[in-house]
Amino acid sequence: MLKLQVISKSKEETQALAAKIVRLLKPGSVVLLTGDLGAGKTTFVGGALKELGYQDHVVSPTFNILKCYFEVKPNVFHIDAYRLEDQNIDIGLEEFLEGDGVSFVEWPKFIESILPPQTMTIKITRISDNERQFEIFSDCEKYRSVFESLGAK
C-alpha cells in the first residue's frame, strides 16, 4: 500500500498540491476524492485544471454529475456522485472512468460498483478554515511516481 499524508495551510497550497499530482497522472488515471462538504475537493480539482491550462473558475458538477474538460490535455472528467446516492447509476459514467482522460471523482462511495480497480484515493479532512489534511493512498503501482514525487518513503 502506497500511503502519504500532506498538510495544506491554504487554498493556494491545496491547488499547488493538485498541480504537482496532476503532472504525474497518466491518461486513464482515476482519483477518488473523499471528505465532508466544504473540505476542498473542488478546490483541489480546480488546482489540477489550472495546472493543465484551464483559465475559468471551476465549480462542482453537483447537479450535472459530470463536467468534461476537453480543452486540456489530458482531458479531465470531473464527476460529483453526491446526488447519485440511492439512485440508478447506469448513466454511462464507466465510459469516462475507463477512458483516456484523467477522472476526479467526488463522493465515490455512491458509485463504488462501477469504479475501476486501479484508483488513487485522496481523503481530505478540514482542520481549520484554511488548513486541510490530505491522506493519499493507493495499492496500484501505476501511481508510484506520485508518491515518490511527494516524498513518500
Protein backbone atom coordinates (compact mmCIF):
# COMPACT_ATOMS: atom_id res chain seq x y z
CA MET A 1 0.00 0.00 0.00
CA LEU A 2 1.35 3.39 -1.04
CA LYS A 3 0.41 5.98 1.56
CA LEU A 4 1.26 9.59 2.30
CA GLN A 5 -0.03 12.46 4.42
CA VAL A 6 0.27 16.14 3.46
CA ILE A 7 -0.90 19.24 5.34
CA SER A 8 -2.04 22.27 3.38
CA LYS A 9 -2.24 25.62 5.15
CA SER A 10 -4.14 27.50 2.42
CA LYS A 11 -6.25 27.23 -0.72
CA GLU A 12 -3.12 28.07 -2.71
CA GLU A 13 -1.18 25.20 -1.11
CA THR A 14 -4.08 22.86 -1.88
CA GLN A 15 -4.02 23.94 -5.51
CA ALA A 16 -0.22 23.58 -5.65
CA LEU A 17 -0.51 20.02 -4.33
CA ALA A 18 -3.09 19.24 -7.01
CA ALA A 19 -0.80 20.76 -9.66
CA LYS A 20 2.10 18.50 -8.58
CA ILE A 21 -0.12 15.44 -8.65
CA VAL A 22 -1.86 16.09 -11.99
CA ARG A 23 1.51 16.47 -13.76
CA LEU A 24 2.28 12.86 -12.82
CA LEU A 25 -1.06 11.30 -13.75
CA LYS A 26 -1.34 9.37 -16.97
CA PRO A 27 -4.43 9.07 -19.16
CA GLY A 28 -6.76 6.52 -17.60
CA SER A 29 -5.98 7.64 -14.04
CA VAL A 30 -8.89 7.77 -11.60
CA VAL A 31 -8.54 9.88 -8.45
CA LEU A 32 -11.18 9.42 -5.76
CA LEU A 33 -11.73 12.50 -3.58
CA THR A 34 -13.36 11.95 -0.21
CA GLY A 35 -14.16 14.37 2.57
CA ASP A 36 -17.02 16.29 4.11
CA LEU A 37 -18.87 19.10 2.34
CA GLY A 38 -16.53 22.08 2.13
CA ALA A 39 -13.38 20.01 2.67
CA GLY A 40 -11.75 21.27 -0.54
CA LYS A 41 -12.44 18.58 -3.14
CA THR A 42 -13.47 21.03 -5.85
CA THR A 43 -10.64 23.41 -4.90
CA PHE A 44 -8.27 20.50 -5.46
CA VAL A 45 -9.73 19.76 -8.92
CA GLY A 46 -9.53 23.47 -9.74
CA GLY A 47 -5.80 23.45 -8.94
CA ALA A 48 -5.27 20.44 -11.21
CA LEU A 49 -7.17 22.07 -14.07
CA LYS A 50 -5.31 25.37 -13.63
CA GLU A 51 -2.02 23.48 -13.94
CA LEU A 52 -3.25 22.00 -17.22
CA GLY A 53 -4.05 25.47 -18.57
CA TYR A 54 -7.75 25.84 -17.80
CA GLN A 55 -8.43 29.51 -17.02
CA ASP A 56 -12.08 29.63 -15.92
CA HIS A 57 -13.50 29.15 -12.43
CA VAL A 58 -14.14 25.50 -11.56
CA VAL A 59 -17.37 24.58 -9.80
CA SER A 60 -18.50 21.18 -8.62
CA PRO A 61 -20.78 19.42 -11.11
CA THR A 62 -23.21 18.51 -8.29
CA PHE A 63 -26.35 18.96 -10.37
CA ASN A 64 -24.87 17.86 -13.70
CA ILE A 65 -22.98 14.89 -12.16
CA LEU A 66 -20.21 15.19 -14.80
CA LYS A 67 -18.19 18.03 -16.27
CA CYS A 68 -15.81 17.30 -19.13
CA TYR A 69 -12.78 19.46 -19.85
CA PHE A 70 -11.74 18.63 -23.40
CA GLU A 71 -9.73 21.85 -23.78
CA VAL A 72 -6.92 20.49 -21.56
CA LYS A 73 -4.56 17.58 -22.17
CA PRO A 74 -5.04 15.04 -20.89
CA ASN A 75 -8.80 15.56 -20.91
CA VAL A 76 -10.24 15.83 -17.40
CA PHE A 77 -13.54 14.33 -16.28
CA HIS A 78 -14.87 15.78 -13.02
CA ILE A 79 -17.58 13.60 -11.51
CA ASP A 80 -19.59 14.54 -8.44
CA ALA A 81 -21.60 11.47 -7.42
CA TYR A 82 -23.26 13.11 -4.40
CA ARG A 83 -26.71 13.19 -5.99
CA LEU A 84 -26.45 9.54 -7.05
CA GLU A 85 -26.99 8.15 -3.55
CA ASP A 86 -29.74 5.52 -3.75
CA GLN A 87 -30.13 6.19 -7.48
CA ASN A 88 -29.72 4.14 -10.62
CA ILE A 89 -26.12 4.76 -11.64
CA ASP A 90 -26.45 3.22 -15.09
CA ILE A 91 -25.88 6.56 -16.82
CA GLY A 92 -22.68 5.84 -18.76
CA LEU A 93 -20.05 7.11 -16.32
CA GLU A 94 -17.95 3.99 -16.96
CA GLU A 95 -17.13 5.38 -20.40
CA PHE A 96 -15.29 8.27 -18.75
CA LEU A 97 -13.82 6.29 -15.85
CA GLU A 98 -12.28 3.82 -18.27
CA GLY A 99 -11.45 6.43 -20.91
CA ASP A 100 -8.26 8.14 -21.96
CA GLY A 101 -8.56 11.16 -19.69
CA VAL A 102 -7.95 11.75 -16.01
CA SER A 103 -11.04 11.35 -13.82
CA PHE A 104 -11.56 13.09 -10.48
CA VAL A 105 -14.48 11.60 -8.57
CA GLU A 106 -16.09 13.38 -5.63
CA TRP A 107 -18.28 11.21 -3.37
CA PRO A 108 -17.04 7.92 -4.91
CA LYS A 109 -18.89 5.80 -2.32
CA PHE A 110 -22.09 6.39 -4.28
CA ILE A 111 -20.70 4.76 -7.43
CA GLU A 112 -18.39 2.10 -5.96
CA SER A 113 -19.88 -0.65 -8.11
CA ILE A 114 -18.64 0.98 -11.34
CA LEU A 115 -15.22 2.24 -10.21
CA PRO A 116 -12.22 0.60 -11.88
CA PRO A 117 -9.86 -1.35 -9.60
CA GLN A 118 -6.84 0.89 -10.25
CA THR A 119 -7.51 4.13 -8.40
CA MET A 120 -5.80 6.56 -6.07
CA THR A 121 -7.75 7.95 -3.12
CA ILE A 122 -7.27 11.36 -1.56
CA LYS A 123 -9.10 11.82 1.74
CA ILE A 124 -9.37 15.49 2.67
CA THR A 125 -10.00 16.46 6.28
CA ARG A 126 -10.75 20.03 7.30
CA ILE A 127 -8.51 21.05 10.21
CA SER A 128 -9.45 24.75 10.32
CA ASP A 129 -10.80 27.42 7.98
CA ASN A 130 -7.61 27.29 5.93
CA GLU A 131 -5.82 24.06 6.90
CA ARG A 132 -6.51 20.67 5.34
CA GLN A 133 -5.01 17.24 5.86
CA PHE A 134 -4.60 15.12 2.73
CA GLU A 135 -4.28 11.36 3.18
CA ILE A 136 -3.26 9.94 -0.18
CA PHE A 137 -3.22 6.20 -0.75
CA SER A 138 -3.33 3.51 -3.41
CA ASP A 139 -2.38 -0.12 -3.82
CA CYS A 140 -1.76 0.36 -7.52
CA GLU A 141 1.81 0.67 -8.81
CA LYS A 142 0.50 2.93 -11.56
CA TYR A 143 0.57 5.81 -9.04
CA ARG A 144 4.02 5.14 -7.52
CA SER A 145 5.55 8.21 -9.22
CA VAL A 146 3.02 10.45 -7.46
CA PHE A 147 4.05 9.14 -4.05
CA GLU A 148 7.77 9.29 -4.83
CA SER A 149 7.46 12.85 -6.13
CA LEU A 150 5.69 13.92 -2.94
CA GLY A 151 8.42 12.39 -0.78
CA ALA A 152 6.88 9.10 0.33
CA LYS A 153 9.35 6.60 1.71
